[in-house]
Structures are given as structure tokens and as C-alpha cells.
Amino acid sequence: MPRLDEAAVGQVFREESGRSIAALVRAFGDIDLAEDAVQEAFAIALRAWARDGLPPNPGGWITTTARNRAIDRLRREARGQELLSAVAVLTPESDEPGLPDETRPVQDDRLCLIFTCCHPALSIEAQIALTLRLLGGLSTKEVARSFLVTEPTMATRLARAKRKIKAARIPYRVPEEHELPDRLRPVLAVVYLIYTAGQTSQAEPGLCAEAIRLARILATLMPDEPEVAGLLALLLLTESRRASRIRPDGTLALLGEQDPKRWDRALIDEGQSIVRRCLRRNQPGPYQLQAAINAVHADAATLEQTDWSQIVALYDQLLAVAPTPVVALNRAIAIGEIQGPAAALALVNELDLDNYQPFHATRADLLQRLGQTSEAAAAYERAASMAPTDAERDFLRLGGRASR
């Protein structure tokens, strides 16, 4: 039987801990208890699996072991005795933690936990942090690195968020059908923000993969929600071109400079297949439309071959359902590819986006293309001062110098 090292167990933790924590929260109604028990179960697994090899169902092994550890802890506490008498532990106790109940589904438990983590009573920051910690399988240290704060600071924030869940009696359940549209939006937004954070070099490098994994979980658990499918397609199509966006020197490559040979065709094919299924539903939403726009980009072998008319039409639809200045900015860029930089600049100058870095980068590029060099240099410098990464700052400052 093959032996496992610590890294292999860590990979299982990343993939399975969310399932186990969700199952224990359902059983005991206590996030801290569930999290501690799962951590203890993985410490036991590190020893047992290194000796005996991977069990047939690692997730079931962990869930049963963690449940038994939680029961043991509760039996030692007065409060725990009360809790044990108040809740039904839905799987039988076992004296052998290595013999789990491997048949019990926990998918619904995981979906409940996603909605608990993303409850609107919590701040967006707390929603993201809890989702990464409890469902993404990231350690507190990794979550802290994603927010560019110290581990003790993040530990305090996570504890505060869990206390708020308990104090506010935030329910551990999937919202009722009439509640779902409003409650689903923040869940999808949190997953999208996790992916966006992963695109910056300072962030935890695995965030993009974690966001895609969470989107896959949602798509599996909510197959009839078109916007869930749209989000997954958007992340897959965005991820398919991520490697080509960085030049060898670490600076950013514009769309026209990217090498399509470096695009991940498997991700593109999967994303485009999901987009086609979304189109057949005819229930367009913001994530589906953004995915469709990315699907059109992925169809083109070169910038010149891009179907910009179709992209503008999709942005028109997107602007109708999500009338934000950022959508209007991207629509203006697409119009500029058809009507020229002057038409795009006229639209861009109407937008109130002074605190949005891509706004200034777009203005800089359009001004440079129009030969307005001094204005372009100023816009490049403003964009560079707001850039989130060193690569972007270097690229924008280089553009500003070329305008002088």
C-alpha cells in the first residue's frame, strides 16, 4: 500500500476539509467545534495514512474521525453534554475512527456552509475570509497572505466573524426559493472576488485555483442556476489566458500581444461549452454575459480577427442588466476597436471613475493613440500610481515615458 507524505495529506485537506467541516456544523451547530475537530482528524490522518496508506474514501474517513473527536470533546464539557442531548448525530458512533460511514452525502451541508459564510450580515471581507478558511481549505496564514495582513490579525478577524454568526443566529441553511436570488448574488460575488485577488502577484498564489474549485462546487450543487454556470464559465475562460498575460520580464502583455499558443484550450473548450448551454437557457445575467464576451475573445486567433461587433452587442446587453461605469468603460474600449480611439475617448471621458486604475490606463492608451502625448503621459502616471502590482506599474510607467 502506498505511503503518503505531509504534502499529500495537505492536498487532501485542501480538497476535503470543507466537506467535513460542513457536515460537522450541520450535526453540532458550532463552527469552532467543527473546525477544531477536522484539524485534529487531519493530524491523526498524517500519522495513520503515512503508516497505512490512503483509505478508499479519505473524505469519509476524515468526517467520521472528526465527528468522533468532537463527541469526545463534548462529553468532557458540561456545555457539551447539553449540546449532545439537543442534537441528533446522524451517523452512528464508531470505536474505530478508521472505519467511517463512507456513504453519507455531505454536498447539501457544504452548500449550507457557503451561504452561512456569505450571509449579508457579515462584511464582504469577512465573507471572503471565512469562505477561504472553511471551504477553500486555506490555512489562516494563507488567508492572511491573501489580505496582506499578519496571521494573528487574520485569526482575530475570523474569530470575530464566527462570533457574529453565533450572536446574530445566522441560520445554517440554503435560503428558501424566494430568498435565493438575493442571497445567491453575494455568494457568486465572493467567489469572483477571490479569483480577482488571485490575479495580483502579492496574493496567495493558489487563490485563482481555489475560486475555480469553489465555482465548480456551486455548479455541481446548483445545476439549475444559470448564473452559477455563467460564473464558472467566466473563471475558466479568464484562467485559460492568464499565462499569456505576463511577458518573460514579468510585465503585462496587452491582448494583441498575447500568444494564443499559450492559451489553455481545454479550459476554453469547457468554458465555451458552458456558455453555449447558458445561451440555450435564454436567461442572461451578468456572469453569463461576461463569460460570453470572453468566449468571443477566445475564438479569435489574433486581435484583428476578434468579432468586435458581437462583443459590443454583448456589452449592450450587459449594460442593460448591470448598468455600472466599469461595464460602460469596457464597452467603450470595444467600440474603440470598431470606430477608433476618438469615439472611445469621448465615451470614457463621460465616466465617473477617477478612483479606478483601469480607467486611467484606458485613457492613457487612447490619448497616446490620438497623439495627445502630454495628456497621455499624465494619465499613465496616474494609472501607475494606482497599479496593484509591480509588473503593472513598470508597464504603465514605460508607456508614460514613451508618450513624452
Protein backbone atom coordinates (compact mmCIF):
# COMPACT_ATOMS: atom_id res chain seq x y z
CA MET A 1 0.00 0.00 0.00
CA PRO A 2 1.49 3.41 -0.97
CA ARG A 3 2.68 5.70 1.79
CA LEU A 4 1.74 9.38 1.95
CA ASP A 5 3.89 12.33 2.91
CA GLU A 6 2.78 15.56 4.61
CA ALA A 7 2.31 17.37 1.28
CA ALA A 8 -0.08 14.66 0.03
CA VAL A 9 -2.15 14.87 3.20
CA GLY A 10 -2.17 18.65 2.81
CA GLN A 11 -3.63 18.25 -0.68
CA VAL A 12 -6.39 16.03 0.69
CA PHE A 13 -7.04 18.67 3.36
CA ARG A 14 -7.43 21.35 0.70
CA GLU A 15 -9.92 19.19 -1.20
CA GLU A 16 -11.89 17.56 1.62
CA SER A 17 -11.83 19.79 4.71
CA GLY A 18 -14.75 21.92 3.51
CA ARG A 19 -16.96 18.86 3.17
CA SER A 20 -16.06 17.61 6.64
CA ILE A 21 -16.45 20.97 8.37
CA ALA A 22 -19.83 21.45 6.70
CA ALA A 23 -21.03 18.02 7.87
CA LEU A 24 -19.97 18.71 11.45
CA VAL A 25 -21.53 22.18 11.51
CA ARG A 26 -24.79 20.57 10.46
CA ALA A 27 -24.50 17.95 13.20
CA PHE A 28 -23.38 20.19 16.06
CA GLY A 29 -24.22 23.74 15.03
CA ASP A 30 -20.81 25.02 16.13
CA ILE A 31 -18.26 26.25 13.57
CA ASP A 32 -15.35 26.38 16.03
CA LEU A 33 -16.01 22.84 17.25
CA ALA A 34 -16.26 21.57 13.68
CA GLU A 35 -13.09 23.33 12.56
CA ASP A 36 -11.05 22.13 15.55
CA ALA A 37 -12.27 18.54 15.17
CA VAL A 38 -11.40 18.44 11.47
CA GLN A 39 -7.94 19.86 12.20
CA GLU A 40 -7.44 17.13 14.81
CA ALA A 41 -8.68 14.47 12.39
CA PHE A 42 -6.10 15.52 9.81
CA ALA A 43 -3.35 15.41 12.43
CA ILE A 44 -4.40 11.82 13.12
CA ALA A 45 -4.53 11.12 9.37
CA LEU A 46 -1.00 12.38 8.90
CA ARG A 47 0.22 9.60 11.18
CA ALA A 48 -2.22 6.87 10.17
CA TRP A 49 -2.07 7.36 6.41
CA ALA A 50 1.73 7.62 6.40
CA ARG A 51 1.70 4.18 8.03
CA ASP A 52 -1.26 2.50 6.32
CA GLY A 53 -1.73 4.41 3.07
CA LEU A 54 -4.70 6.37 1.76
CA PRO A 55 -8.12 4.90 2.71
CA PRO A 56 -10.72 4.23 -0.02
CA ASN A 57 -12.68 7.36 0.91
CA PRO A 58 -10.41 9.97 2.54
CA GLY A 59 -13.25 12.46 2.98
CA GLY A 60 -15.46 9.93 4.75
CA TRP A 61 -12.53 8.86 6.95
CA ILE A 62 -11.88 12.45 7.97
CA THR A 63 -15.56 13.25 8.60
CA THR A 64 -16.10 10.21 10.81
CA THR A 65 -12.85 10.69 12.70
CA ALA A 66 -13.60 14.37 13.25
CA ARG A 67 -17.15 13.55 14.39
CA ASN A 68 -15.82 11.09 16.95
CA ARG A 69 -13.25 13.61 18.21
CA ALA A 70 -15.99 16.25 18.53
CA ILE A 71 -18.17 13.84 20.51
CA ASP A 72 -15.27 13.02 22.82
CA ARG A 73 -14.64 16.72 23.41
CA LEU A 74 -18.29 17.45 24.11
CA ARG A 75 -18.53 14.58 26.60
CA ARG A 76 -15.74 16.19 28.59
CA GLU A 77 -17.55 19.51 28.84
CA ALA A 78 -20.72 20.43 30.71
CA ARG A 79 -21.88 22.53 27.79
CA GLY A 80 -21.11 19.64 25.51
CA GLN A 81 -23.34 17.29 27.46
CA GLU A 82 -26.22 19.71 26.89
CA LEU A 83 -25.39 20.01 23.20
CA LEU A 84 -25.15 16.26 22.69
CA SER A 85 -28.58 15.78 24.20
CA ALA A 86 -30.03 18.55 21.99
CA VAL A 87 -28.73 17.47 18.59
CA ALA A 88 -29.10 14.29 16.60
CA VAL A 89 -25.79 12.90 15.43
CA LEU A 90 -26.90 11.44 12.14
CA THR A 91 -24.16 8.83 11.72
CA PRO A 92 -23.60 6.03 14.23
CA GLU A 93 -20.73 6.27 16.67
CA SER A 94 -17.75 4.09 16.00
CA ASP A 95 -14.96 2.97 18.24
CA GLU A 96 -12.80 2.70 15.12
CA PRO A 97 -12.14 6.12 13.55
CA GLY A 98 -10.60 4.32 10.62
CA LEU A 99 -13.98 2.78 9.71
CA PRO A 100 -16.03 5.74 8.51
CA ASP A 101 -19.54 5.94 7.19
CA GLU A 102 -18.49 6.37 3.57
CA THR A 103 -21.95 6.59 2.05
CA ARG A 104 -23.43 9.67 3.69
CA PRO A 105 -23.73 12.61 1.23
CA VAL A 106 -22.45 15.94 2.56
CA GLN A 107 -22.98 18.12 -0.50
CA ASP A 108 -26.04 19.87 0.90
CA ASP A 109 -24.12 20.57 4.11
CA ARG A 110 -21.39 22.25 2.11
CA LEU A 111 -23.89 24.42 0.26
CA CYS A 112 -25.42 25.47 3.60
CA LEU A 113 -21.96 26.47 4.83
CA ILE A 114 -21.32 28.57 1.71
CA PHE A 115 -24.49 30.56 2.35
CA THR A 116 -23.62 30.92 6.04
CA CYS A 117 -20.15 32.27 5.21
CA CYS A 118 -21.61 34.71 2.67
CA HIS A 119 -24.50 36.00 4.77
CA PRO A 120 -25.12 39.73 4.17
CA ALA A 121 -24.87 40.42 7.92
CA LEU A 122 -21.11 39.92 7.54
CA SER A 123 -18.78 42.32 5.79
CA ILE A 124 -17.53 41.38 2.32
CA GLU A 125 -14.04 40.96 3.77
CA ALA A 126 -15.34 38.57 6.44
CA GLN A 127 -17.34 36.63 3.84
CA ILE A 128 -14.26 36.13 1.66
CA ALA A 129 -12.01 35.20 4.58
CA LEU A 130 -14.45 32.68 6.03
CA THR A 131 -15.12 31.10 2.65
CA LEU A 132 -11.40 30.68 2.01
CA ARG A 133 -10.77 29.30 5.50
CA LEU A 134 -13.73 26.93 5.89
CA LEU A 135 -14.47 25.89 2.31
CA GLY A 136 -11.34 26.75 0.37
CA GLY A 137 -9.09 24.71 2.63
CA LEU A 138 -6.63 27.57 3.16
CA SER A 139 -4.83 27.94 6.46
CA THR A 140 -5.21 31.11 8.49
CA LYS A 141 -1.69 32.03 7.39
CA GLU A 142 -2.63 31.64 3.71
CA VAL A 143 -5.81 33.68 4.15
CA ALA A 144 -3.79 36.39 5.91
CA ARG A 145 -1.35 36.47 3.00
CA SER A 146 -4.28 36.98 0.63
CA PHE A 147 -5.32 40.09 2.56
CA LEU A 148 -1.72 41.26 3.09
CA VAL A 149 -2.11 41.19 6.88
CA THR A 150 -0.40 39.25 9.66
CA GLU A 151 -1.60 35.82 10.73
CA PRO A 152 -2.67 36.99 14.24
CA THR A 153 -4.67 39.84 12.67
CA MET A 154 -6.49 37.44 10.37
CA ALA A 155 -7.08 34.98 13.21
CA THR A 156 -8.78 37.78 15.15
CA ARG A 157 -10.93 38.73 12.16
CA LEU A 158 -12.01 35.15 11.56
CA ALA A 159 -12.88 34.68 15.23
CA ARG A 160 -14.89 37.90 15.20
CA ALA A 161 -16.83 36.77 12.12
CA LYS A 162 -17.65 33.40 13.68
CA ARG A 163 -18.81 35.12 16.88
CA LYS A 164 -21.09 37.32 14.80
CA ILE A 165 -22.61 34.27 13.12
CA LYS A 166 -23.38 32.84 16.54
CA ALA A 167 -24.60 36.10 18.11
CA ALA A 168 -26.79 37.05 15.16
CA ARG A 169 -28.14 33.48 14.94
CA ILE A 170 -27.32 33.37 11.24
CA PRO A 171 -29.09 30.22 10.03
CA TYR A 172 -27.14 27.28 8.68
CA ARG A 173 -29.31 26.52 5.68
CA VAL A 174 -29.84 27.10 1.99
CA PRO A 175 -32.22 30.08 1.60
CA GLU A 176 -35.83 29.46 0.66
CA GLU A 177 -36.61 29.66 -3.06
CA HIS A 178 -37.99 33.19 -2.83
CA GLU A 179 -34.85 34.33 -0.98
CA LEU A 180 -32.38 32.67 -3.30
CA PRO A 181 -31.91 35.35 -6.00
CA ASP A 182 -30.84 37.99 -3.46
CA ARG A 183 -28.76 35.59 -1.38
CA LEU A 184 -27.03 33.97 -4.35
CA ARG A 185 -25.59 37.26 -5.60
CA PRO A 186 -23.18 37.78 -2.68
CA VAL A 187 -22.09 34.13 -2.85
CA LEU A 188 -21.13 34.49 -6.51
CA ALA A 189 -19.54 37.88 -5.85
CA VAL A 190 -17.33 36.39 -3.12
CA VAL A 191 -16.08 33.61 -5.40
CA TYR A 192 -15.39 36.15 -8.17
CA LEU A 193 -13.53 38.44 -5.75
CA ILE A 194 -11.40 35.50 -4.62
CA TYR A 195 -10.38 34.89 -8.23
CA THR A 196 -9.71 38.59 -8.83
CA ALA A 197 -7.50 38.72 -5.73
CA GLY A 198 -5.55 35.75 -7.04
CA GLN A 199 -4.59 37.66 -10.18
CA THR A 200 -2.32 40.01 -8.22
CA SER A 201 1.22 38.86 -7.59
CA GLN A 202 1.05 39.79 -3.89
CA ALA A 203 -1.89 37.48 -3.27
CA GLU A 204 -1.82 33.86 -2.17
CA PRO A 205 -0.84 32.19 -5.48
CA GLY A 206 -3.46 29.45 -5.21
CA LEU A 207 -6.45 31.77 -4.99
CA CYS A 208 -7.39 31.53 -8.68
CA ALA A 209 -7.47 27.74 -8.47
CA GLU A 210 -9.47 27.89 -5.22
CA ALA A 211 -12.03 30.23 -6.77
CA ILE A 212 -12.48 27.88 -9.72
CA ARG A 213 -12.84 24.93 -7.35
CA LEU A 214 -15.49 26.77 -5.33
CA ALA A 215 -17.31 27.70 -8.55
CA ARG A 216 -17.27 24.04 -9.58
CA ILE A 217 -18.74 23.08 -6.21
CA LEU A 218 -21.53 25.61 -6.66
CA ALA A 219 -22.21 24.44 -10.22
CA THR A 220 -22.46 20.85 -9.00
CA LEU A 221 -24.73 21.72 -6.09
CA MET A 222 -26.90 24.21 -8.02
CA PRO A 223 -27.11 22.87 -11.59
CA ASP A 224 -30.32 24.76 -12.37
CA GLU A 225 -28.93 28.23 -11.60
CA PRO A 226 -27.70 29.77 -14.90
CA GLU A 227 -25.63 32.49 -13.21
CA VAL A 228 -23.70 29.85 -11.26
CA ALA A 229 -22.82 28.20 -14.58
CA GLY A 230 -22.00 31.62 -16.02
CA LEU A 231 -19.56 32.37 -13.20
CA LEU A 232 -17.78 29.05 -13.68
CA ALA A 233 -17.51 29.66 -17.43
CA LEU A 234 -16.19 33.18 -16.86
CA LEU A 235 -13.47 31.96 -14.48
CA LEU A 236 -12.45 29.11 -16.79
CA LEU A 237 -12.19 31.37 -19.83
CA THR A 238 -10.30 34.06 -17.90
CA GLU A 239 -7.94 31.47 -16.46
CA SER A 240 -7.32 29.96 -19.90
CA ARG A 241 -5.46 33.12 -20.99
CA ARG A 242 -3.80 34.07 -17.70
CA ALA A 243 -0.37 32.62 -18.52
CA SER A 244 -0.15 34.65 -21.73
CA ARG A 245 -0.85 37.94 -19.95
CA ILE A 246 2.64 38.11 -18.42
CA ARG A 247 5.76 38.73 -20.51
CA PRO A 248 9.01 36.92 -19.64
CA ASP A 249 10.21 40.04 -17.76
CA GLY A 250 7.10 39.97 -15.56
CA THR A 251 5.32 42.94 -17.16
CA LEU A 252 1.78 42.71 -18.50
CA ALA A 253 1.07 41.84 -22.14
CA LEU A 254 -1.84 43.56 -23.87
CA LEU A 255 -4.49 41.44 -25.58
CA GLY A 256 -2.98 41.99 -29.02
CA GLU A 257 0.46 40.91 -27.77
CA GLN A 258 -0.66 37.65 -26.20
CA ASP A 259 0.39 34.39 -27.82
CA PRO A 260 -2.72 32.24 -28.42
CA LYS A 261 -0.49 29.16 -28.41
CA ARG A 262 -0.11 29.68 -24.66
CA TRP A 263 -3.86 29.65 -24.09
CA ASP A 264 -5.25 26.59 -22.33
CA ARG A 265 -7.52 25.05 -24.95
CA ALA A 266 -9.06 22.54 -22.52
CA LEU A 267 -10.27 25.37 -20.28
CA ILE A 268 -11.50 27.32 -23.33
CA ASP A 269 -13.43 24.33 -24.65
CA GLU A 270 -15.03 23.69 -21.27
CA GLY A 271 -15.89 27.36 -20.76
CA GLN A 272 -17.35 27.76 -24.24
CA SER A 273 -19.43 24.60 -23.82
CA ILE A 274 -20.93 26.03 -20.62
CA VAL A 275 -21.61 29.34 -22.40
CA ARG A 276 -23.49 27.54 -25.16
CA ARG A 277 -25.65 25.78 -22.57
CA CYS A 278 -26.33 29.13 -20.90
CA LEU A 279 -27.37 30.67 -24.21
CA ARG A 280 -29.88 27.88 -24.75
CA ARG A 281 -31.49 28.72 -21.39
CA ASN A 282 -32.11 32.30 -22.61
CA GLN A 283 -31.92 33.71 -19.06
CA PRO A 284 -28.99 36.13 -19.46
CA GLY A 285 -27.30 37.52 -16.39
CA PRO A 286 -24.09 39.47 -15.72
CA TYR A 287 -21.78 36.47 -15.28
CA GLN A 288 -23.17 34.65 -18.30
CA LEU A 289 -22.75 37.74 -20.49
CA GLN A 290 -19.19 38.34 -19.27
CA ALA A 291 -18.44 34.69 -19.99
CA ALA A 292 -19.90 35.06 -23.49
CA ILE A 293 -17.66 38.08 -24.12
CA ASN A 294 -14.61 36.07 -23.04
CA ALA A 295 -15.75 33.19 -25.25
CA VAL A 296 -15.73 35.50 -28.29
CA HIS A 297 -12.21 36.68 -27.40
CA ALA A 298 -11.09 33.05 -27.11
CA ASP A 299 -12.45 32.31 -30.59
CA ALA A 300 -10.05 34.76 -32.25
CA ALA A 301 -6.53 33.70 -33.17
CA THR A 302 -5.45 37.36 -33.40
CA LEU A 303 -6.77 40.71 -32.17
CA GLU A 304 -7.71 41.65 -35.73
CA GLN A 305 -9.87 38.54 -36.09
CA THR A 306 -11.90 39.36 -32.97
CA ASP A 307 -15.62 39.83 -33.65
CA TRP A 308 -15.84 43.27 -32.03
CA SER A 309 -19.40 43.85 -33.26
CA GLN A 310 -20.55 40.80 -31.34
CA ILE A 311 -18.62 41.93 -28.28
CA VAL A 312 -20.25 45.38 -28.40
CA ALA A 313 -23.68 43.73 -28.72
CA LEU A 314 -22.94 41.61 -25.65
CA TYR A 315 -21.76 44.69 -23.73
CA ASP A 316 -25.03 46.40 -24.70
CA GLN A 317 -26.90 43.52 -23.06
CA LEU A 318 -24.57 43.56 -20.06
CA LEU A 319 -25.05 47.30 -19.61
CA ALA A 320 -28.82 46.76 -19.61
CA VAL A 321 -28.69 44.22 -16.75
CA ALA A 322 -25.66 45.69 -14.90
CA PRO A 323 -25.54 49.44 -15.67
CA THR A 324 -22.22 50.19 -13.97
CA PRO A 325 -19.46 52.59 -15.03
CA VAL A 326 -16.99 49.70 -15.26
CA VAL A 327 -19.19 47.90 -17.80
CA ALA A 328 -19.54 51.17 -19.71
CA LEU A 329 -15.73 51.53 -19.72
CA ASN A 330 -15.23 48.08 -21.24
CA ARG A 331 -17.98 48.74 -23.77
CA ALA A 332 -16.20 51.96 -24.80
CA ILE A 333 -12.96 50.03 -25.35
CA ALA A 334 -14.78 47.60 -27.65
CA ILE A 335 -16.40 50.48 -29.55
CA GLY A 336 -12.95 51.99 -29.99
CA GLU A 337 -11.85 48.85 -31.84
CA ILE A 338 -14.64 49.48 -34.38
CA GLN A 339 -14.98 53.28 -34.53
CA GLY A 340 -11.48 54.34 -33.46
CA PRO A 341 -9.87 55.87 -30.36
CA ALA A 342 -11.62 59.24 -30.62
CA ALA A 343 -15.07 57.62 -30.32
CA ALA A 344 -13.89 55.54 -27.38
CA LEU A 345 -12.28 58.51 -25.60
CA ALA A 346 -15.47 60.55 -25.88
CA LEU A 347 -17.36 57.78 -24.06
CA VAL A 348 -14.61 57.21 -21.49
CA ASN A 349 -14.41 60.90 -20.57
CA GLU A 350 -18.09 60.82 -19.58
CA LEU A 351 -17.49 58.22 -16.86
CA ASP A 352 -17.04 58.98 -13.16
CA LEU A 353 -14.22 56.52 -12.41
CA ASP A 354 -11.41 58.71 -11.09
CA ASN A 355 -10.53 56.19 -8.37
CA TYR A 356 -10.45 53.21 -10.75
CA GLN A 357 -6.99 52.39 -12.07
CA PRO A 358 -8.06 50.76 -15.39
CA PHE A 359 -9.97 53.96 -16.23
CA HIS A 360 -6.74 55.98 -16.24
CA ALA A 361 -4.83 53.22 -18.06
CA THR A 362 -7.51 53.16 -20.77
CA ARG A 363 -7.50 56.96 -21.12
CA ALA A 364 -3.71 56.91 -21.35
CA ASP A 365 -3.73 54.38 -24.18
CA LEU A 366 -6.45 56.22 -26.11
CA LEU A 367 -4.74 59.60 -25.69
CA GLN A 368 -1.44 58.13 -26.86
CA ARG A 369 -3.09 56.64 -29.94
CA LEU A 370 -4.56 60.07 -30.71
CA GLY A 371 -1.14 61.74 -30.43
CA GLN A 372 -2.02 63.74 -27.29
CA THR A 373 1.31 62.89 -25.68
CA SER A 374 1.38 65.20 -22.65
CA GLU A 375 -2.12 64.23 -21.58
CA ALA A 376 -1.27 60.56 -22.17
CA ALA A 377 1.87 60.78 -20.01
CA ALA A 378 -0.13 62.30 -17.13
CA ALA A 379 -2.78 59.58 -17.42
CA TYR A 380 -0.13 56.84 -17.49
CA GLU A 381 1.46 58.24 -14.33
CA ARG A 382 -1.91 58.41 -12.58
CA ALA A 383 -2.64 54.81 -13.57
CA ALA A 384 0.82 53.65 -12.46
CA SER A 385 0.38 55.26 -9.04
CA MET A 386 -2.74 53.13 -8.53
CA ALA A 387 -1.48 49.85 -10.07
CA PRO A 388 -1.79 46.81 -7.75
CA THR A 389 1.38 45.03 -8.93
CA ASP A 390 4.97 45.94 -9.74
CA ALA A 391 4.54 44.48 -13.24
CA GLU A 392 1.64 46.81 -13.97
CA ARG A 393 3.45 49.83 -12.53
CA ASP A 394 6.51 49.14 -14.66
CA PHE A 395 4.43 48.65 -17.79
CA LEU A 396 2.40 51.83 -17.28
CA ARG A 397 5.44 53.96 -16.48
CA LEU A 398 7.14 52.64 -19.60
CA GLY A 399 4.08 53.73 -21.60
CA GLY A 400 4.21 57.13 -19.95
CA ARG A 401 7.86 57.57 -20.89
CA ALA A 402 7.07 56.63 -24.48
CA SER A 403 4.44 59.40 -24.57
CA ARG A 404 6.88 62.12 -23.56
